[in-house]
Amino acid sequence: MNCLALEQDDGILIVDCGSAFPNDDLGIDVYHPDFSWLVERAPRIAGVFLTHGHEDHIGGLPYLLADLDIPVWGPPHALELVRRRLFEHDFGPSEIDLRTAHAGQRYEVGPFEVEPVRVAHSIVEASALCIETAAGRVLHTGDFNFDPNPPDGEPTDEGRLSEIGDAGVALLLSDSTNIDVLERPGSEQAVADTLEHLVQNASGRCLVALFASNVQRLIKIGQIARRVGRKVCLLGRSLETQVNVATRIGRLDWPSDLLVSPDQAAGVPRDRLLVLAGGTQAERNSALRRISLGQHPLLTLEAGDTVILSSRAIPGNERSVIAMINDLLRAGVHVHSRITDPGVHTSGHAGRGEQRRMLELVRPRCFLPVHGTLHHLLRHAALGRELGVESTLVVENGTPVICDGHHLLAETEVAHGKVAIAYGGERLDAATLQARTDLARYGIAIVVLVVDDDGQLAARPKVTTRGIPTVDGQAHALRALALEVERAFTAFREGRGLSLDEFVRRATRRKVEDLAGIRPVVSVEMIRLEDV
């Protein structure tokens, strides 16, 4: 969730505004940064400048712009993705102020002057930002690498970066993601060569799973499909969006007869079809996961077909990805991944050698590593010191840093964090998230009491449970619980410091612990006949 604010006396500039996705299944759709610090300073914010169109750099904009009426600058590809996302969030055309920014040109954003500088990345039109500030020149690399021959024909502009370094850079903020990778293996052209070999030798249907936003790879896959004589079928909304956007802005030139719809795919000979699918992380409802389970409504794979995972397993997703691969193997599908064929994927982020190259080109006086865990930031800072940077500093989210052009100083943390958004768009507060966690861990017991005008039970208590082993659906256990509830109700006397509801709730939890060894969430519903 990249979101950086540059603040000086006469204004604030925001660089990127991303979102993140959950690693659990608590009904969270997306996370966005806590924007409270920015909202409190709304009159001073000049705008947002985007480095590129990945979700972790643009996905938070609908939530930020719901609170702030500010312009957004960025490359055409990123802005087209933003426009679609804002329309999905019910923004009208008059509520959107998107301003195209091209590499090599300069833009006045309040008191700041910003020049995008082209850098290579897995997405097209990625940019570093050279920003003139009151404390001197700041260079934010965004996500980058030094691939010498990217498919879009736009490598990182080393000449311009060197010129900026010659002019003097007060502060460098640089991507730390792959600091542990000494040399980033391969290039997009090398990946394309590997993919072409595998597709050429595939029998039956061939499916390539990839990150939908990797337009660089989509360019090459379209060329491969034409050369080997296969039609392309897209499975997944994100892929369709990326192809449509890249085509609209002239970054993807697939001929009109290359694509077939999922409805038409069944009519294409199996050895003439190349399927592109999302779901590289085995997401529950993704196209590839459903195909691996034989549950996709429009496309199936058979023994002898081929799946190529042109991706990596994001840390934390390894088990799910391996389980999906195993499902495909059980169906007799040939599976190629980084495990079997390392050349099927390369990262879009700079390895350590490329990070070193960036530092050598820019030669900053101050260095603040960004985009990575604390481990990555510390190692990247050490690299900066090794190369002679005068002042380096490592901070985590929410920590303001003062830069006077020569030194960095950390200040006390400000309001920050991540905000969970549920499916449906509502914000989930901490109490609701904790309740969901407790329900998932411990299950729930629901107790219904019917009480007459005299305060006595008008019927036997009703107890139902969900998610409690040895109790759910077990008549004898539920009867035991009902009897315990009845005893608690009868034994209750006012003045013990507990309400009747709480007294019954605690008794129910103790009894469930006796029966199942866990203490569940207990909900006590009391129906008074006088209220009916």
Foldseek 3Di string as FASTA:
>chain_A
DDWDWDDDPQAIEIEFWAKAQDLDPLQFGIKGKDCVVCLVVQVRYLAYEYQDADRRGHVRVLVVLVRHQHEYEYAQLNVVVNVVNNVVVVDDPVSYHYHYAAAPDWDDRGPKIWHWFDAFFLAPRGTWIWIQDPLGTEIEGGFHAQQPQFQLRTHGPLVVLLVLQVVAHLEYEYALAAAVFQAFPDHLVLLLVVVLVCLLPAPFAEEEEDDLRRVSNVQSVLVSLVVSQAAEEEFDPSNVVNVVSCVVVPNHDRDPRRYDYLQCVVVDTRSRYYYYFYCLLLPPPGPLVCQLVVNDPRDHDAARGEYEYLYDHDPSSVVSNVVSVVSCVVRNYHYHYCVRPVSNYTHRGYHSVRLLVSCVSNVHLEYEYDHHDQVSRVSSQVSNVVVPRNEYDYDDPQWDWDGNSHYIDTDDGDDMDMWTAGVVGHTDDPVNSVVSVQCQPFWEKEKEFEAEPVRATPDQIFIATDPFPPQHPDVVLRVVLSVQLNVQSVPDDPPPPDDSQVSSLVSSQVSSCVRGVGRHHYHYHYHYPVVD
